[in-house]
Amino acid sequence: MQSTKHIIKAKLPKIYSHELINNLFAHPYTKVEFITQDLNIHRNTASKYLNQLVDIGVLTKHKLGKDNYYLNNELYALLSD
C-alpha cells in the first residue's frame, strides 16, 4: 500500500487523495461508480483518474460485458500469495 501511495503521490499529485487510496485498497478491484461515490466527483473525472492510474501501472483495466473493472495490481498480488 505504501509503495502505491508513493507512486501516485510522485507521478499524479493532482489526483492523489487519502480517499482515493482507501478506495483502491478496499477491494482488489474498483469501478468508476465506486470512485464517483467515494470521492464525490463526476463520472468523467473518475474515469480519467482510473485511466491515469492504468497508464502508470498501478491498475490494470479489464472489460467485462459493458463495464470496466480496474484491478489493483499490488493488492491482487498480496491476496493471491
PDB file of N, CA and C in Angstrom:
ATOM      1  N   MET A   1       0.827  -1.193   0.000  1.00  0.00           N
ATOM      2  CA  MET A   1       0.000   0.000   0.000  1.00  0.00           C
ATOM      3  C   MET A   1       0.871   1.256   0.000  1.00  0.00           C
ATOM      4  N   GLN A   2       1.933   1.218   0.779  1.00  0.00           N
ATOM      5  CA  GLN A   2       2.806   2.388   0.861  1.00  0.00           C
ATOM      6  C   GLN A   2       3.494   2.682  -0.467  1.00  0.00           C
ATOM      7  N   SER A   3       3.929   1.636  -1.169  1.00  0.00           N
ATOM      8  CA  SER A   3       4.608   1.874  -2.444  1.00  0.00           C
ATOM      9  C   SER A   3       3.650   2.472  -3.464  1.00  0.00           C
ATOM     10  N   THR A   4       2.420   1.977  -3.498  1.00  0.00           N
ATOM     11  CA  THR A   4       1.417   2.528  -4.413  1.00  0.00           C
ATOM     12  C   THR A   4       1.124   3.977  -4.052  1.00  0.00           C
ATOM     13  N   LYS A   5       1.005   4.250  -2.775  1.00  0.00           N
ATOM     14  CA  LYS A   5       0.744   5.611  -2.303  1.00  0.00           C
ATOM     15  C   LYS A   5       1.851   6.556  -2.772  1.00  0.00           C
ATOM     16  N   HIS A   6       3.109   6.124  -2.639  1.00  0.00           N
ATOM     17  CA  HIS A   6       4.241   6.968  -3.042  1.00  0.00           C
ATOM     18  C   HIS A   6       4.300   7.156  -4.555  1.00  0.00           C
ATOM     19  N   ILE A   7       3.963   6.108  -5.299  1.00  0.00           N
ATOM     20  CA  ILE A   7       3.956   6.214  -6.765  1.00  0.00           C
ATOM     21  C   ILE A   7       2.906   7.231  -7.213  1.00  0.00           C
ATOM     22  N   ILE A   8       1.711   7.126  -6.661  1.00  0.00           N
ATOM     23  CA  ILE A   8       0.636   8.053  -7.043  1.00  0.00           C
ATOM     24  C   ILE A   8       0.985   9.476  -6.640  1.00  0.00           C
ATOM     25  N   LYS A   9       1.519   9.632  -5.439  1.00  0.00           N
ATOM     26  CA  LYS A   9       1.883  10.962  -4.946  1.00  0.00           C
ATOM     27  C   LYS A   9       2.954  11.606  -5.834  1.00  0.00           C
ATOM     28  N   ALA A  10       3.914  10.789  -6.297  1.00  0.00           N
ATOM     29  CA  ALA A  10       5.011  11.301  -7.125  1.00  0.00           C
ATOM     30  C   ALA A  10       4.599  11.551  -8.572  1.00  0.00           C
ATOM     31  N   LYS A  11       3.844  10.617  -9.158  1.00  0.00           N
ATOM     32  CA  LYS A  11       3.521  10.708 -10.586  1.00  0.00           C
ATOM     33  C   LYS A  11       2.214  11.433 -10.882  1.00  0.00           C
ATOM     34  N   LEU A  12       1.260  11.391  -9.957  1.00  0.00           N
ATOM     35  CA  LEU A  12      -0.047  12.020 -10.182  1.00  0.00           C
ATOM     36  C   LEU A  12      -0.468  12.825  -8.954  1.00  0.00           C
ATOM     37  N   PRO A  13       0.309  13.832  -8.582  1.00  0.00           N
ATOM     38  CA  PRO A  13      -0.014  14.579  -7.354  1.00  0.00           C
ATOM     39  C   PRO A  13      -1.361  15.297  -7.391  1.00  0.00           C
ATOM     40  N   LYS A  14      -1.831  15.633  -8.578  1.00  0.00           N
ATOM     41  CA  LYS A  14      -3.109  16.358  -8.671  1.00  0.00           C
ATOM     42  C   LYS A  14      -4.310  15.490  -8.335  1.00  0.00           C
ATOM     43  N   ILE A  15      -4.192  14.178  -8.514  1.00  0.00           N
ATOM     44  CA  ILE A  15      -5.337  13.311  -8.214  1.00  0.00           C
ATOM     45  C   ILE A  15      -5.175  12.593  -6.883  1.00  0.00           C
ATOM     46  N   TYR A  16      -3.995  12.684  -6.277  1.00  0.00           N
ATOM     47  CA  TYR A  16      -3.749  11.969  -5.025  1.00  0.00           C
ATOM     48  C   TYR A  16      -4.668  12.474  -3.920  1.00  0.00           C
ATOM     49  N   SER A  17      -5.273  11.531  -3.207  1.00  0.00           N
ATOM     50  CA  SER A  17      -6.041  11.855  -2.003  1.00  0.00           C
ATOM     51  C   SER A  17      -6.118  10.605  -1.134  1.00  0.00           C
ATOM     52  N   HIS A  18      -6.320  10.820   0.137  1.00  0.00           N
ATOM     53  CA  HIS A  18      -6.459   9.713   1.079  1.00  0.00           C
ATOM     54  C   HIS A  18      -7.677   8.863   0.709  1.00  0.00           C
ATOM     55  N   GLU A  19      -8.741   9.491   0.278  1.00  0.00           N
ATOM     56  CA  GLU A  19      -9.959   8.777  -0.105  1.00  0.00           C
ATOM     57  C   GLU A  19      -9.714   7.871  -1.312  1.00  0.00           C
ATOM     58  N   LEU A  20      -8.913   8.344  -2.259  1.00  0.00           N
ATOM     59  CA  LEU A  20      -8.589   7.537  -3.437  1.00  0.00           C
ATOM     60  C   LEU A  20      -7.805   6.292  -3.026  1.00  0.00           C
ATOM     61  N   ILE A  21      -6.809   6.466  -2.183  1.00  0.00           N
ATOM     62  CA  ILE A  21      -6.006   5.333  -1.715  1.00  0.00           C
ATOM     63  C   ILE A  21      -6.892   4.326  -0.975  1.00  0.00           C
ATOM     64  N   ASN A  22      -7.761   4.827  -0.108  1.00  0.00           N
ATOM     65  CA  ASN A  22      -8.673   3.938   0.625  1.00  0.00           C
ATOM     66  C   ASN A  22      -9.555   3.148  -0.326  1.00  0.00           C
ATOM     67  N   ASN A  23     -10.057   3.797  -1.364  1.00  0.00           N
ATOM     68  CA  ASN A  23     -10.904   3.113  -2.340  1.00  0.00           C
ATOM     69  C   ASN A  23     -10.128   2.022  -3.064  1.00  0.00           C
ATOM     70  N   LEU A  24      -8.906   2.323  -3.465  1.00  0.00           N
ATOM     71  CA  LEU A  24      -8.106   1.365  -4.216  1.00  0.00           C
ATOM     72  C   LEU A  24      -7.763   0.118  -3.405  1.00  0.00           C
ATOM     73  N   PHE A  25      -7.683   0.278  -2.070  1.00  0.00           N
ATOM     74  CA  PHE A  25      -7.298  -0.853  -1.240  1.00  0.00           C
ATOM     75  C   PHE A  25      -8.457  -1.449  -0.442  1.00  0.00           C
ATOM     76  N   ALA A  26      -9.663  -0.997  -0.682  1.00  0.00           N
ATOM     77  CA  ALA A  26     -10.832  -1.577  -0.014  1.00  0.00           C
ATOM     78  C   ALA A  26     -11.166  -2.951  -0.599  1.00  0.00           C
ATOM     79  N   HIS A  27     -10.932  -3.106  -1.892  1.00  0.00           N
ATOM     80  CA  HIS A  27     -11.188  -4.351  -2.612  1.00  0.00           C
ATOM     81  C   HIS A  27     -10.091  -4.513  -3.657  1.00  0.00           C
ATOM     82  N   PRO A  28      -9.897  -5.709  -4.195  1.00  0.00           N
ATOM     83  CA  PRO A  28      -8.852  -5.887  -5.216  1.00  0.00           C
ATOM     84  C   PRO A  28      -9.163  -5.177  -6.537  1.00  0.00           C
ATOM     85  N   TYR A  29     -10.393  -4.740  -6.696  1.00  0.00           N
ATOM     86  CA  TYR A  29     -10.757  -4.026  -7.922  1.00  0.00           C
ATOM     87  C   TYR A  29     -11.635  -2.834  -7.555  1.00  0.00           C
ATOM     88  N   THR A  30     -11.763  -1.920  -8.513  1.00  0.00           N
ATOM     89  CA  THR A  30     -12.682  -0.806  -8.350  1.00  0.00           C
ATOM     90  C   THR A  30     -13.349  -0.532  -9.683  1.00  0.00           C
ATOM     91  N   LYS A  31     -14.349   0.297  -9.647  1.00  0.00           N
ATOM     92  CA  LYS A  31     -15.087   0.696 -10.851  1.00  0.00           C
ATOM     93  C   LYS A  31     -15.294   2.203 -10.793  1.00  0.00           C
ATOM     94  N   VAL A  32     -15.667   2.774 -11.916  1.00  0.00           N
ATOM     95  CA  VAL A  32     -15.921   4.210 -11.983  1.00  0.00           C
ATOM     96  C   VAL A  32     -16.977   4.615 -10.954  1.00  0.00           C
ATOM     97  N   GLU A  33     -18.005   3.793 -10.815  1.00  0.00           N
ATOM     98  CA  GLU A  33     -19.091   4.116  -9.886  1.00  0.00           C
ATOM     99  C   GLU A  33     -18.599   4.211  -8.444  1.00  0.00           C
ATOM    100  N   PHE A  34     -17.667   3.329  -8.062  1.00  0.00           N
ATOM    101  CA  PHE A  34     -17.132   3.346  -6.703  1.00  0.00           C
ATOM    102  C   PHE A  34     -16.355   4.639  -6.441  1.00  0.00           C
ATOM    103  N   ILE A  35     -15.578   5.054  -7.440  1.00  0.00           N
ATOM    104  CA  ILE A  35     -14.782   6.278  -7.299  1.00  0.00           C
ATOM    105  C   ILE A  35     -15.688   7.503  -7.225  1.00  0.00           C
ATOM    106  N   THR A  36     -16.712   7.552  -8.064  1.00  0.00           N
ATOM    107  CA  THR A  36     -17.611   8.710  -8.041  1.00  0.00           C
ATOM    108  C   THR A  36     -18.290   8.848  -6.689  1.00  0.00           C
ATOM    109  N   GLN A  37     -18.685   7.741  -6.094  1.00  0.00           N
ATOM    110  CA  GLN A  37     -19.350   7.783  -4.784  1.00  0.00           C
ATOM    111  C   GLN A  37     -18.381   8.155  -3.668  1.00  0.00           C
ATOM    112  N   ASP A  38     -17.219   7.500  -3.631  1.00  0.00           N
ATOM    113  CA  ASP A  38     -16.280   7.707  -2.537  1.00  0.00           C
ATOM    114  C   ASP A  38     -15.594   9.072  -2.577  1.00  0.00           C
ATOM    115  N   LEU A  39     -15.315   9.582  -3.772  1.00  0.00           N
ATOM    116  CA  LEU A  39     -14.611  10.850  -3.889  1.00  0.00           C
ATOM    117  C   LEU A  39     -15.551  12.014  -4.192  1.00  0.00           C
ATOM    118  N   ASN A  40     -16.824  11.693  -4.425  1.00  0.00           N
ATOM    119  CA  ASN A  40     -17.819  12.713  -4.738  1.00  0.00           C
ATOM    120  C   ASN A  40     -17.392  13.571  -5.938  1.00  0.00           C
ATOM    121  N   ILE A  41     -17.056  12.859  -7.023  1.00  0.00           N
ATOM    122  CA  ILE A  41     -16.640  13.527  -8.253  1.00  0.00           C
ATOM    123  C   ILE A  41     -17.504  13.029  -9.400  1.00  0.00           C
ATOM    124  N   HIS A  42     -17.434  13.737 -10.525  1.00  0.00           N
ATOM    125  CA  HIS A  42     -18.200  13.399 -11.718  1.00  0.00           C
ATOM    126  C   HIS A  42     -17.657  12.116 -12.353  1.00  0.00           C
ATOM    127  N   ARG A  43     -18.518  11.408 -13.043  1.00  0.00           N
ATOM    128  CA  ARG A  43     -18.159  10.144 -13.697  1.00  0.00           C
ATOM    129  C   ARG A  43     -16.987  10.309 -14.666  1.00  0.00           C
ATOM    130  N   ASN A  44     -16.980  11.365 -15.444  1.00  0.00           N
ATOM    131  CA  ASN A  44     -15.884  11.594 -16.400  1.00  0.00           C
ATOM    132  C   ASN A  44     -14.550  11.795 -15.686  1.00  0.00           C
ATOM    133  N   THR A  45     -14.581  12.505 -14.571  1.00  0.00           N
ATOM    134  CA  THR A  45     -13.372  12.735 -13.788  1.00  0.00           C
ATOM    135  C   THR A  45     -12.871  11.421 -13.201  1.00  0.00           C
ATOM    136  N   ALA A  46     -13.771  10.613 -12.669  1.00  0.00           N
ATOM    137  CA  ALA A  46     -13.399   9.314 -12.105  1.00  0.00           C
ATOM    138  C   ALA A  46     -12.769   8.423 -13.170  1.00  0.00           C
ATOM    139  N   SER A  47     -13.349   8.402 -14.357  1.00  0.00           N
ATOM    140  CA  SER A  47     -12.817   7.608 -15.453  1.00  0.00           C
ATOM    141  C   SER A  47     -11.418   8.088 -15.832  1.00  0.00           C
ATOM    142  N   LYS A  48     -11.233   9.385 -15.873  1.00  0.00           N
ATOM    143  CA  LYS A  48      -9.929   9.975 -16.187  1.00  0.00           C
ATOM    144  C   LYS A  48      -8.896   9.564 -15.138  1.00  0.00           C
ATOM    145  N   TYR A  49      -9.241   9.640 -13.864  1.00  0.00           N
ATOM    146  CA  TYR A  49      -8.341   9.247 -12.778  1.00  0.00           C
ATOM    147  C   TYR A  49      -7.933   7.778 -12.923  1.00  0.00           C
ATOM    148  N   LEU A  50      -8.909   6.922 -13.134  1.00  0.00           N
ATOM    149  CA  LEU A  50      -8.619   5.491 -13.235  1.00  0.00           C
ATOM    150  C   LEU A  50      -7.736   5.180 -14.437  1.00  0.00           C
ATOM    151  N   ASN A  51      -7.987   5.827 -15.551  1.00  0.00           N
ATOM    152  CA  ASN A  51      -7.154   5.598 -16.736  1.00  0.00           C
ATOM    153  C   ASN A  51      -5.736   6.114 -16.536  1.00  0.00           C
ATOM    154  N   GLN A  52      -5.574   7.199 -15.775  1.00  0.00           N
ATOM    155  CA  GLN A  52      -4.233   7.684 -15.453  1.00  0.00           C
ATOM    156  C   GLN A  52      -3.497   6.683 -14.566  1.00  0.00           C
ATOM    157  N   LEU A  53      -4.221   6.060 -13.646  1.00  0.00           N
ATOM    158  CA  LEU A  53      -3.622   5.042 -12.782  1.00  0.00           C
ATOM    159  C   LEU A  53      -3.236   3.798 -13.583  1.00  0.00           C
ATOM    160  N   VAL A  54      -3.999   3.485 -14.618  1.00  0.00           N
ATOM    161  CA  VAL A  54      -3.637   2.391 -15.533  1.00  0.00           C
ATOM    162  C   VAL A  54      -2.356   2.757 -16.277  1.00  0.00           C
ATOM    163  N   ASP A  55      -2.267   3.998 -16.745  1.00  0.00           N
ATOM    164  CA  ASP A  55      -1.093   4.453 -17.510  1.00  0.00           C
ATOM    165  C   ASP A  55       0.206   4.350 -16.716  1.00  0.00           C
ATOM    166  N   ILE A  56       0.154   4.568 -15.404  1.00  0.00           N
ATOM    167  CA  ILE A  56       1.380   4.496 -14.599  1.00  0.00           C
ATOM    168  C   ILE A  56       1.598   3.098 -14.005  1.00  0.00           C
ATOM    169  N   GLY A  57       0.709   2.156 -14.305  1.00  0.00           N
ATOM    170  CA  GLY A  57       0.898   0.769 -13.906  1.00  0.00           C
ATOM    171  C   GLY A  57       0.373   0.384 -12.538  1.00  0.00           C
ATOM    172  N   VAL A  58      -0.383   1.246 -11.894  1.00  0.00           N
ATOM    173  CA  VAL A  58      -0.947   0.933 -10.580  1.00  0.00           C
ATOM    174  C   VAL A  58      -2.148   0.005 -10.728  1.00  0.00           C
ATOM    175  N   LEU A  59      -2.950   0.241 -11.752  1.00  0.00           N
ATOM    176  CA  LEU A  59      -4.142  -0.561 -12.012  1.00  0.00           C
ATOM    177  C   LEU A  59      -4.034  -1.220 -13.378  1.00  0.00           C
ATOM    178  N   THR A  60      -4.805  -2.282 -13.555  1.00  0.00           N
ATOM    179  CA  THR A  60      -4.953  -2.933 -14.850  1.00  0.00           C
ATOM    180  C   THR A  60      -6.436  -2.906 -15.197  1.00  0.00           C
ATOM    181  N   LYS A  61      -6.735  -2.470 -16.410  1.00  0.00           N
ATOM    182  CA  LYS A  61      -8.126  -2.329 -16.845  1.00  0.00           C
ATOM    183  C   LYS A  61      -8.605  -3.613 -17.515  1.00  0.00           C
ATOM    184  N   HIS A  62      -9.789  -4.082 -17.073  1.00  0.00           N
ATOM    185  CA  HIS A  62     -10.403  -5.273 -17.646  1.00  0.00           C
ATOM    186  C   HIS A  62     -11.849  -4.948 -18.007  1.00  0.00           C
ATOM    187  N   LYS A  63     -12.221  -5.287 -19.235  1.00  0.00           N
ATOM    188  CA  LYS A  63     -13.594  -5.059 -19.679  1.00  0.00           C
ATOM    189  C   LYS A  63     -14.371  -6.361 -19.548  1.00  0.00           C
ATOM    190  N   LEU A  64     -15.495  -6.294 -18.845  1.00  0.00           N
ATOM    191  CA  LEU A  64     -16.361  -7.456 -18.670  1.00  0.00           C
ATOM    192  C   LEU A  64     -17.770  -7.013 -19.032  1.00  0.00           C
ATOM    193  N   GLY A  65     -18.247  -7.486 -20.183  1.00  0.00           N
ATOM    194  CA  GLY A  65     -19.533  -7.007 -20.673  1.00  0.00           C
ATOM    195  C   GLY A  65     -19.404  -5.544 -21.053  1.00  0.00           C
ATOM    196  N   LYS A  66     -20.279  -4.715 -20.519  1.00  0.00           N
ATOM    197  CA  LYS A  66     -20.215  -3.279 -20.823  1.00  0.00           C
ATOM    198  C   LYS A  66     -19.469  -2.482 -19.752  1.00  0.00           C
ATOM    199  N   ASP A  67     -19.045  -3.156 -18.677  1.00  0.00           N
ATOM    200  CA  ASP A  67     -18.386  -2.481 -17.565  1.00  0.00           C
ATOM    201  C   ASP A  67     -16.876  -2.657 -17.611  1.00  0.00           C
ATOM    202  N   ASN A  68     -16.173  -1.650 -17.124  1.00  0.00           N
ATOM    203  CA  ASN A  68     -14.733  -1.719 -16.942  1.00  0.00           C
ATOM    204  C   ASN A  68     -14.438  -1.928 -15.464  1.00  0.00           C
ATOM    205  N   TYR A  69     -13.554  -2.863 -15.188  1.00  0.00           N
ATOM    206  CA  TYR A  69     -13.095  -3.119 -13.835  1.00  0.00           C
ATOM    207  C   TYR A  69     -11.610  -2.802 -13.789  1.00  0.00           C
ATOM    208  N   TYR A  70     -11.176  -2.184 -12.722  1.00  0.00           N
ATOM    209  CA  TYR A  70      -9.796  -1.761 -12.579  1.00  0.00           C
ATOM    210  C   TYR A  70      -9.174  -2.551 -11.436  1.00  0.00           C
ATOM    211  N   LEU A  71      -8.254  -3.448 -11.772  1.00  0.00           N
ATOM    212  CA  LEU A  71      -7.637  -4.344 -10.811  1.00  0.00           C
ATOM    213  C   LEU A  71      -6.422  -3.675 -10.176  1.00  0.00           C
ATOM    214  N   ASN A  72      -6.381  -3.663  -8.856  1.00  0.00           N
ATOM    215  CA  ASN A  72      -5.247  -3.135  -8.116  1.00  0.00           C
ATOM    216  C   ASN A  72      -4.154  -4.199  -8.128  1.00  0.00           C
ATOM    217  N   ASN A  73      -3.104  -3.966  -8.888  1.00  0.00           N
ATOM    218  CA  ASN A  73      -2.054  -4.963  -9.087  1.00  0.00           C
ATOM    219  C   ASN A  73      -1.368  -5.363  -7.782  1.00  0.00           C
ATOM    220  N   GLU A  74      -1.021  -4.392  -6.952  1.00  0.00           N
ATOM    221  CA  GLU A  74      -0.319  -4.679  -5.702  1.00  0.00           C
ATOM    222  C   GLU A  74      -1.188  -5.474  -4.736  1.00  0.00           C
ATOM    223  N   LEU A  75      -2.422  -5.063  -4.564  1.00  0.00           N
ATOM    224  CA  LEU A  75      -3.319  -5.758  -3.656  1.00  0.00           C
ATOM    225  C   LEU A  75      -3.632  -7.169  -4.154  1.00  0.00           C
ATOM    226  N   TYR A  76      -3.839  -7.313  -5.444  1.00  0.00           N
ATOM    227  CA  TYR A  76      -4.097  -8.630  -6.017  1.00  0.00           C
ATOM    228  C   TYR A  76      -2.923  -9.568  -5.788  1.00  0.00           C
ATOM    229  N   ALA A  77      -1.715  -9.069  -5.956  1.00  0.00           N
ATOM    230  CA  ALA A  77      -0.523  -9.893  -5.720  1.00  0.00           C
ATOM    231  C   ALA A  77      -0.443 -10.340  -4.271  1.00  0.00           C
ATOM    232  N   LEU A  78      -0.753  -9.457  -3.343  1.00  0.00           N
ATOM    233  CA  LEU A  78      -0.733  -9.810  -1.919  1.00  0.00           C
ATOM    234  C   LEU A  78      -1.781 -10.884  -1.608  1.00  0.00           C
ATOM    235  N   LEU A  79      -2.967 -10.732  -2.151  1.00  0.00           N
ATOM    236  CA  LEU A  79      -4.048 -11.673  -1.873  1.00  0.00           C
ATOM    237  C   LEU A  79      -3.835 -13.031  -2.541  1.00  0.00           C
ATOM    238  N   SER A  80      -3.168 -13.047  -3.667  1.00  0.00           N
ATOM    239  CA  SER A  80      -3.000 -14.303  -4.384  1.00  0.00           C
ATOM    240  C   SER A  80      -1.842 -15.128  -3.851  1.00  0.00           C
ATOM    241  N   ASP A  81      -0.973 -14.552  -3.053  1.00  0.00           N
ATOM    242  CA  ASP A  81       0.160 -15.309  -2.460  1.00  0.00           C
ATOM    243  C   ASP A  81      -0.264 -16.169  -1.312  1.00  0.00           C
TER     244      ASP A  81
END
